[in-house]
Amino acid sequence: MITLLKSTAILSACMAVMLSPLHAKDAKPLFRDDSVLKVRIEAPFSKIKSKSDRSTDPNPAVLFLDGDAPERHAIELSARGNSRRDKNICTFAPLRVAFSEKPADGSLFKGQKRLKLVTHCRPTKSYQQYYLLEYTAYKLFNVITPISLKVRLAEIEYINSKNGKTVTTRFGFFIEDADDTAKRNKLKELDVAGANLSQLDVQASAHYTLFQYMIGNLDWAMHDAVAGKDCCHNTKLLGLTDDASSDIIPLPYDFDYSGLVNTPYAVPPENISIRSVKTRRYRGYCVHNDAVREAANHFIQSRDALYQTVAQTPELSKKKRAVAARYLDSFFDVITDPAKMEKRLFSICRG
């Protein structure tokens, strides 16, 4: 491994400069801080919950930000997502927050129009641990590259507007809009049906596939659409221009089916013969193998920061934190050993 580290040291240093947040625009106010927000949302939750599996219609609601600088915003709230709107999976669907009026200049929500809100899925307090781990997955990719979706954790009190009663209080998190991720990195979000593998940025693709392997995620398509669906499954595509046809960057999201998160409903894809999502299976492309070798060095150099990210996730239980750290251990056991990388990654890469 020492040879690999030496041979890629210069390239990795260049990579670190190129991917530094100093070369990206500042995030909007909501995503400049990692402190946990205190939020209340008043909405017709009985209606939203009862219809979430068949309706994403917006409902009038109010969002309150508590704390030293309280805010009140009229919003429209709707259920969103695909599998998590299935009541056999989640009894409390993820939500979309749309601001009815443009937030003022001094607002924490300045510049926000529509936000994805990841919720706790099921009522038991222990269930929110899975979504704290999904939050952690986003933060891990933030360590690898600034071309990644930012997230903001919040303790949210959900209040039924019909009777003023609290439904529950649980942790959830807001996700940065992909267009804002693009803008702060001087890129554009692409509205395309897909891209050829040869059109993807090689370095970004290597980071993408190695990250997905690290968290044990198989629930993605990096550049092409599943039949009958839009491109690309749990991925947005970014480019230097609106009509970019080269150096396209895949941006991953939705990690609840990963081995790191290991939700009770997560199962491997039907075409992959493993029993548990905790079993890693590499799905990268052979054409990117050299770039993945280089990317592995970047992950190794980021190792301490990755473990620190797990250690610093608010409200994550001691047990879940330890399990997540061990899951990272098994990843680094592979990528610090060239023979294991060859066997577990490059010998089964997609042609």
Protein backbone atom coordinates (compact mmCIF):
# COMPACT_ATOMS: atom_id res chain seq x y z
CA MET A 1 0.00 0.00 0.00
CA ILE A 2 2.96 2.29 0.66
CA THR A 3 3.83 2.14 -3.05
CA LEU A 4 0.28 3.09 -3.98
CA LEU A 5 0.33 6.02 -1.54
CA LYS A 6 3.62 7.32 -2.91
CA SER A 7 2.64 6.89 -6.54
CA THR A 8 -0.55 8.90 -6.13
CA ALA A 9 0.55 11.52 -3.59
CA ILE A 10 0.97 14.34 -6.08
CA LEU A 11 -2.26 13.58 -7.89
CA SER A 12 -4.14 13.34 -4.59
CA ALA A 13 -2.77 16.69 -3.49
CA CYS A 14 -4.03 18.23 -6.72
CA MET A 15 -7.37 16.51 -6.18
CA ALA A 16 -7.66 17.99 -2.69
CA VAL A 17 -7.05 21.51 -3.99
CA MET A 18 -9.49 21.02 -6.85
CA LEU A 19 -12.20 19.71 -4.55
CA SER A 20 -11.62 22.22 -1.74
CA PRO A 21 -14.71 24.14 -0.56
CA LEU A 22 -12.65 27.30 -1.07
CA HIS A 23 -13.29 26.79 -4.78
CA ALA A 24 -17.06 26.62 -4.34
CA LYS A 25 -19.67 29.28 -3.62
CA ASP A 26 -20.93 29.49 -0.09
CA ALA A 27 -23.98 27.44 0.73
CA LYS A 28 -27.21 29.25 1.49
CA PRO A 29 -27.71 30.18 5.18
CA LEU A 30 -29.60 27.03 6.13
CA PHE A 31 -26.64 24.82 5.23
CA ARG A 32 -23.76 26.93 6.57
CA ASP A 33 -24.05 25.49 10.07
CA ASP A 34 -24.34 22.02 11.59
CA SER A 35 -26.08 23.00 14.82
CA VAL A 36 -29.37 21.19 15.40
CA LEU A 37 -32.43 23.32 14.62
CA LYS A 38 -35.61 23.44 16.70
CA VAL A 39 -38.59 23.43 14.35
CA ARG A 40 -42.38 23.17 14.70
CA ILE A 41 -44.66 22.39 11.79
CA GLU A 42 -48.42 22.85 12.00
CA ALA A 43 -50.24 20.98 9.23
CA PRO A 44 -53.21 18.67 8.64
CA PHE A 45 -51.06 15.64 9.44
CA SER A 46 -54.01 13.29 9.84
CA LYS A 47 -54.95 14.01 6.23
CA ILE A 48 -51.38 13.88 4.94
CA LYS A 49 -50.67 10.58 6.69
CA SER A 50 -53.90 8.91 5.58
CA LYS A 51 -53.35 9.82 1.92
CA SER A 52 -49.56 9.76 1.67
CA ASP A 53 -49.44 6.44 -0.22
CA ARG A 54 -51.61 7.78 -3.03
CA SER A 55 -51.30 11.58 -2.91
CA THR A 56 -48.52 14.16 -3.01
CA ASP A 57 -50.95 17.08 -3.09
CA PRO A 58 -49.75 20.16 -1.18
CA ASN A 59 -51.46 21.20 2.04
CA PRO A 60 -51.37 24.64 3.71
CA ALA A 61 -49.13 24.60 6.77
CA VAL A 62 -46.93 26.79 8.96
CA LEU A 63 -43.28 26.26 9.82
CA PHE A 64 -41.89 27.82 12.99
CA LEU A 65 -38.18 28.13 13.73
CA ASP A 66 -37.54 28.36 17.46
CA GLY A 67 -34.47 29.79 19.19
CA ASP A 68 -32.76 33.16 19.56
CA ALA A 69 -34.01 34.36 16.17
CA PRO A 70 -37.49 32.81 15.80
CA GLU A 71 -39.20 32.73 12.42
CA ARG A 72 -42.64 31.93 11.08
CA HIS A 73 -43.25 30.86 7.49
CA ALA A 74 -46.40 29.97 5.59
CA ILE A 75 -45.62 26.82 3.63
CA GLU A 76 -47.23 24.10 1.57
CA LEU A 77 -46.48 20.62 2.84
CA SER A 78 -46.76 17.39 0.88
CA ALA A 79 -45.75 13.77 1.14
CA ARG A 80 -42.97 12.80 -1.24
CA GLY A 81 -40.78 9.89 -2.21
CA ASN A 82 -41.45 6.47 -3.67
CA SER A 83 -40.92 3.46 -1.42
CA ARG A 84 -41.17 5.46 1.78
CA ARG A 85 -44.74 6.51 0.89
CA ASP A 86 -45.69 2.83 1.08
CA LYS A 87 -47.39 2.44 4.47
CA ASN A 88 -45.92 -1.04 4.83
CA ILE A 89 -42.53 0.68 4.94
CA CYS A 90 -43.19 4.06 6.58
CA THR A 91 -46.26 5.21 8.48
CA PHE A 92 -44.89 8.77 8.42
CA ALA A 93 -43.77 9.68 4.90
CA PRO A 94 -40.91 12.02 4.02
CA LEU A 95 -42.11 15.52 3.27
CA ARG A 96 -41.61 18.38 0.84
CA VAL A 97 -41.65 21.93 2.18
CA ALA A 98 -42.58 24.67 -0.30
CA PHE A 99 -42.43 28.26 0.93
CA SER A 100 -45.55 30.23 0.05
CA GLU A 101 -43.60 33.50 0.10
CA LYS A 102 -39.96 34.29 -0.47
CA PRO A 103 -38.13 34.20 2.91
CA ALA A 104 -36.71 37.58 3.94
CA ASP A 105 -33.04 38.48 3.60
CA GLY A 106 -32.36 37.91 7.29
CA SER A 107 -34.08 34.54 7.39
CA LEU A 108 -32.24 31.27 7.93
CA PHE A 109 -34.32 30.03 5.00
CA LYS A 110 -33.23 32.84 2.68
CA GLY A 111 -32.99 31.57 -0.90
CA GLN A 112 -35.07 28.48 -0.25
CA LYS A 113 -38.12 27.66 -2.37
CA ARG A 114 -38.66 23.93 -1.96
CA LEU A 115 -36.89 21.63 0.47
CA LYS A 116 -36.88 17.89 0.98
CA LEU A 117 -37.40 16.88 4.60
CA VAL A 118 -36.38 13.38 5.66
CA THR A 119 -38.58 12.21 8.53
CA HIS A 120 -38.45 9.41 11.09
CA CYS A 121 -40.61 6.96 9.05
CA ARG A 122 -42.15 5.10 12.00
CA PRO A 123 -43.38 6.28 15.42
CA THR A 124 -40.97 4.52 17.79
CA LYS A 125 -38.19 6.77 19.02
CA SER A 126 -35.57 4.13 18.21
CA TYR A 127 -36.56 4.20 14.53
CA GLN A 128 -35.15 7.69 14.07
CA GLN A 129 -31.68 6.19 14.58
CA TYR A 130 -31.81 4.86 11.02
CA TYR A 131 -32.33 8.36 9.66
CA LEU A 132 -29.59 9.80 11.83
CA LEU A 133 -27.39 7.24 10.07
CA GLU A 134 -28.71 8.34 6.69
CA TYR A 135 -27.89 11.93 7.69
CA THR A 136 -24.40 10.64 8.55
CA ALA A 137 -24.05 9.12 5.08
CA TYR A 138 -24.64 12.53 3.49
CA LYS A 139 -22.05 14.06 5.85
CA LEU A 140 -19.53 11.35 4.93
CA PHE A 141 -19.81 12.26 1.25
CA ASN A 142 -19.38 15.94 2.22
CA VAL A 143 -15.96 14.91 3.59
CA ILE A 144 -15.01 13.35 0.26
CA THR A 145 -16.11 16.22 -2.00
CA PRO A 146 -17.96 19.56 -1.81
CA ILE A 147 -19.87 18.43 -4.90
CA SER A 148 -22.30 16.72 -2.56
CA LEU A 149 -25.67 17.53 -1.05
CA LYS A 150 -25.54 19.39 2.24
CA VAL A 151 -27.93 18.46 5.05
CA ARG A 152 -29.20 20.14 8.22
CA LEU A 153 -30.48 18.23 11.22
CA ALA A 154 -33.57 19.42 13.11
CA GLU A 155 -35.62 18.35 16.08
CA ILE A 156 -39.13 18.73 14.72
CA GLU A 157 -42.42 18.96 16.57
CA TYR A 158 -45.25 17.91 14.27
CA ILE A 159 -48.55 19.55 15.28
CA ASN A 160 -51.91 18.60 13.84
CA SER A 161 -53.48 21.89 12.75
CA LYS A 162 -56.98 20.45 13.05
CA ASN A 163 -56.85 20.15 16.86
CA GLY A 164 -53.56 21.76 17.87
CA LYS A 165 -52.24 18.50 19.35
CA THR A 166 -48.66 17.35 18.95
CA VAL A 167 -48.42 14.26 16.76
CA THR A 168 -44.82 13.55 17.73
CA THR A 169 -41.41 15.17 18.12
CA ARG A 170 -38.58 13.48 16.26
CA PHE A 171 -35.31 14.25 14.53
CA GLY A 172 -35.30 14.75 10.77
CA PHE A 173 -33.14 16.61 8.29
CA PHE A 174 -33.43 19.04 5.41
CA ILE A 175 -31.57 18.28 2.17
CA GLU A 176 -30.00 20.94 0.00
CA ASP A 177 -31.56 21.32 -3.45
CA ALA A 178 -29.35 19.79 -6.13
CA ASP A 179 -29.48 23.04 -8.09
CA ASP A 180 -27.92 24.83 -5.10
CA THR A 181 -25.22 22.15 -4.87
CA ALA A 182 -24.49 22.85 -8.52
CA LYS A 183 -24.45 26.63 -8.14
CA ARG A 184 -22.00 26.73 -5.25
CA ASN A 185 -19.66 24.54 -7.31
CA LYS A 186 -20.09 26.65 -10.47
CA LEU A 187 -22.03 23.87 -12.18
CA LYS A 188 -25.50 23.34 -13.64
CA GLU A 189 -28.07 20.70 -12.81
CA LEU A 190 -28.79 18.84 -16.04
CA ASP A 191 -32.27 18.04 -17.28
CA VAL A 192 -31.44 15.01 -19.38
CA ALA A 193 -32.80 11.50 -19.86
CA GLY A 194 -29.39 10.00 -19.19
CA ALA A 195 -25.76 10.05 -20.21
CA ASN A 196 -23.32 7.66 -21.81
CA LEU A 197 -20.71 6.23 -19.48
CA SER A 198 -18.01 7.92 -21.58
CA GLN A 199 -19.60 11.31 -20.86
CA LEU A 200 -19.08 11.05 -17.11
CA ASP A 201 -16.26 12.79 -15.27
CA VAL A 202 -13.89 9.95 -14.44
CA GLN A 203 -12.67 11.30 -11.10
CA ALA A 204 -16.18 12.17 -9.88
CA SER A 205 -17.42 8.74 -10.97
CA ALA A 206 -14.62 7.07 -9.02
CA HIS A 207 -15.57 9.01 -5.89
CA TYR A 208 -19.22 8.14 -6.44
CA THR A 209 -18.75 4.38 -6.84
CA LEU A 210 -16.18 4.05 -4.06
CA PHE A 211 -18.43 6.01 -1.69
CA GLN A 212 -21.39 3.79 -2.54
CA TYR A 213 -19.20 0.76 -1.86
CA MET A 214 -18.08 2.29 1.45
CA ILE A 215 -21.64 2.70 2.72
CA GLY A 216 -22.78 -0.58 1.15
CA ASN A 217 -25.36 0.99 -1.15
CA LEU A 218 -26.65 -0.81 -4.25
CA ASP A 219 -29.79 1.27 -4.76
CA TRP A 220 -28.55 3.58 -7.50
CA ALA A 221 -27.96 4.11 -11.20
CA MET A 222 -25.10 6.46 -11.96
CA HIS A 223 -25.88 7.53 -15.50
CA ASP A 224 -28.78 5.64 -17.06
CA ALA A 225 -32.49 5.32 -16.40
CA VAL A 226 -34.38 2.23 -15.34
CA ALA A 227 -36.96 1.31 -18.00
CA GLY A 228 -40.01 3.52 -17.67
CA LYS A 229 -38.39 5.90 -15.17
CA ASP A 230 -36.52 9.18 -15.36
CA CYS A 231 -32.75 9.33 -15.09
CA CYS A 232 -31.13 8.49 -12.88
CA HIS A 233 -32.14 6.34 -9.93
CA ASN A 234 -31.12 8.21 -6.75
CA THR A 235 -28.70 10.34 -8.76
CA LYS A 236 -28.69 13.85 -10.21
CA LEU A 237 -26.37 14.81 -13.05
CA LEU A 238 -24.35 18.05 -13.02
CA GLY A 239 -22.27 19.71 -15.71
CA LEU A 240 -20.37 22.86 -16.52
CA THR A 241 -23.18 24.05 -18.81
CA ASP A 242 -26.89 23.32 -19.26
CA ASP A 243 -26.11 21.24 -22.35
CA ALA A 244 -22.92 19.59 -21.11
CA SER A 245 -22.02 16.42 -22.98
CA SER A 246 -18.74 15.63 -21.21
CA ASP A 247 -17.27 15.78 -17.69
CA ILE A 248 -20.74 15.09 -16.27
CA ILE A 249 -20.75 14.62 -12.50
CA PRO A 250 -23.09 12.12 -10.82
CA LEU A 251 -24.53 13.38 -7.51
CA PRO A 252 -25.89 10.64 -5.20
CA TYR A 253 -28.79 10.83 -2.74
CA ASP A 254 -31.14 8.52 -0.78
CA PHE A 255 -29.08 6.10 1.29
CA ASP A 256 -31.74 4.35 3.36
CA TYR A 257 -31.14 1.05 1.53
CA SER A 258 -27.42 1.08 2.33
CA GLY A 259 -25.65 -1.31 4.67
CA LEU A 260 -24.46 1.61 6.79
CA VAL A 261 -28.05 2.64 7.54
CA ASN A 262 -29.48 -0.92 7.41
CA THR A 263 -33.16 -0.03 7.72
CA PRO A 264 -35.46 -2.98 8.52
CA TYR A 265 -37.09 -2.71 5.10
CA ALA A 266 -33.86 -2.55 3.07
CA VAL A 267 -33.30 -5.51 0.77
CA PRO A 268 -30.70 -6.08 -1.96
CA PRO A 269 -31.73 -5.60 -5.60
CA GLU A 270 -33.31 -8.73 -7.10
CA ASN A 271 -30.50 -9.15 -9.63
CA ILE A 272 -27.73 -9.22 -6.99
CA SER A 273 -27.28 -12.48 -5.10
CA ILE A 274 -26.57 -11.35 -1.55
CA ARG A 275 -28.77 -11.91 1.48
CA SER A 276 -28.27 -8.64 3.31
CA VAL A 277 -27.60 -5.03 2.33
CA LYS A 278 -24.77 -5.08 4.87
CA THR A 279 -22.82 -7.29 2.46
CA ARG A 280 -20.89 -4.99 0.16
CA ARG A 281 -20.92 -5.64 -3.59
CA TYR A 282 -18.92 -3.41 -5.92
CA ARG A 283 -20.87 -2.01 -8.88
CA GLY A 284 -18.28 0.31 -10.39
CA TYR A 285 -17.19 0.22 -14.03
CA CYS A 286 -13.94 -1.34 -15.19
CA VAL A 287 -13.10 1.73 -17.27
CA HIS A 288 -12.77 3.70 -14.01
CA ASN A 289 -10.45 1.25 -12.24
CA ASP A 290 -7.35 3.45 -12.38
CA ALA A 291 -9.31 6.43 -11.09
CA VAL A 292 -10.76 4.31 -8.28
CA ARG A 293 -7.23 3.32 -7.22
CA GLU A 294 -6.42 7.03 -7.02
CA ALA A 295 -9.69 7.77 -5.24
CA ALA A 296 -8.89 5.09 -2.65
CA ASN A 297 -5.86 7.11 -1.62
CA HIS A 298 -8.09 10.17 -1.15
CA PHE A 299 -10.44 8.14 1.07
CA ILE A 300 -7.47 6.87 3.08
CA GLN A 301 -6.21 10.42 3.57
CA SER A 302 -9.73 11.38 4.69
CA ARG A 303 -10.01 8.42 7.06
CA ASP A 304 -9.80 10.36 10.34
CA ALA A 305 -12.36 12.91 9.15
CA LEU A 306 -14.74 10.12 8.13
CA TYR A 307 -14.57 8.46 11.54
CA GLN A 308 -14.92 11.84 13.22
CA THR A 309 -18.08 12.47 11.20
CA VAL A 310 -19.63 9.31 12.63
CA ALA A 311 -18.48 10.24 16.14
CA GLN A 312 -20.01 13.71 15.88
CA THR A 313 -23.49 12.80 14.61
CA PRO A 314 -25.87 14.30 17.18
CA GLU A 315 -28.21 11.94 19.07
CA LEU A 316 -26.81 8.82 17.42
CA SER A 317 -26.82 6.04 20.01
CA LYS A 318 -23.57 4.57 21.32
CA LYS A 319 -24.47 1.21 19.81
CA LYS A 320 -25.29 2.59 16.34
CA ARG A 321 -22.15 4.72 16.41
CA ALA A 322 -20.00 1.70 17.19
CA VAL A 323 -21.66 -0.42 14.48
CA ALA A 324 -21.12 2.35 11.91
CA ALA A 325 -17.45 2.69 12.88
CA ARG A 326 -16.95 -1.06 12.48
CA TYR A 327 -18.61 -0.89 9.08
CA LEU A 328 -16.03 1.73 8.05
CA ASP A 329 -13.29 -0.53 9.46
CA SER A 330 -14.26 -3.30 7.05
CA PHE A 331 -14.17 -0.84 4.14
CA PHE A 332 -10.69 0.40 4.98
CA ASP A 333 -9.54 -3.18 5.46
CA VAL A 334 -10.25 -3.65 1.75
CA ILE A 335 -8.99 -0.40 0.23
CA THR A 336 -5.67 -0.44 2.14
CA ASP A 337 -4.86 -3.87 0.70
CA PRO A 338 -4.20 -3.95 -3.09
CA ALA A 339 -4.87 -7.70 -3.26
CA LYS A 340 -8.28 -7.31 -1.60
CA MET A 341 -9.12 -4.37 -3.85
CA GLU A 342 -8.30 -6.48 -6.89
CA LYS A 343 -10.45 -9.39 -5.68
CA ARG A 344 -13.43 -7.50 -4.27
CA LEU A 345 -13.59 -4.53 -6.64
CA PHE A 346 -11.73 -4.83 -9.89
CA SER A 347 -12.31 -8.52 -10.58
CA ILE A 348 -16.07 -7.98 -10.52
CA CYS A 349 -16.32 -4.49 -12.05
CA ARG A 350 -18.86 -3.91 -14.78
CA GLY A 351 -17.47 -3.97 -18.31
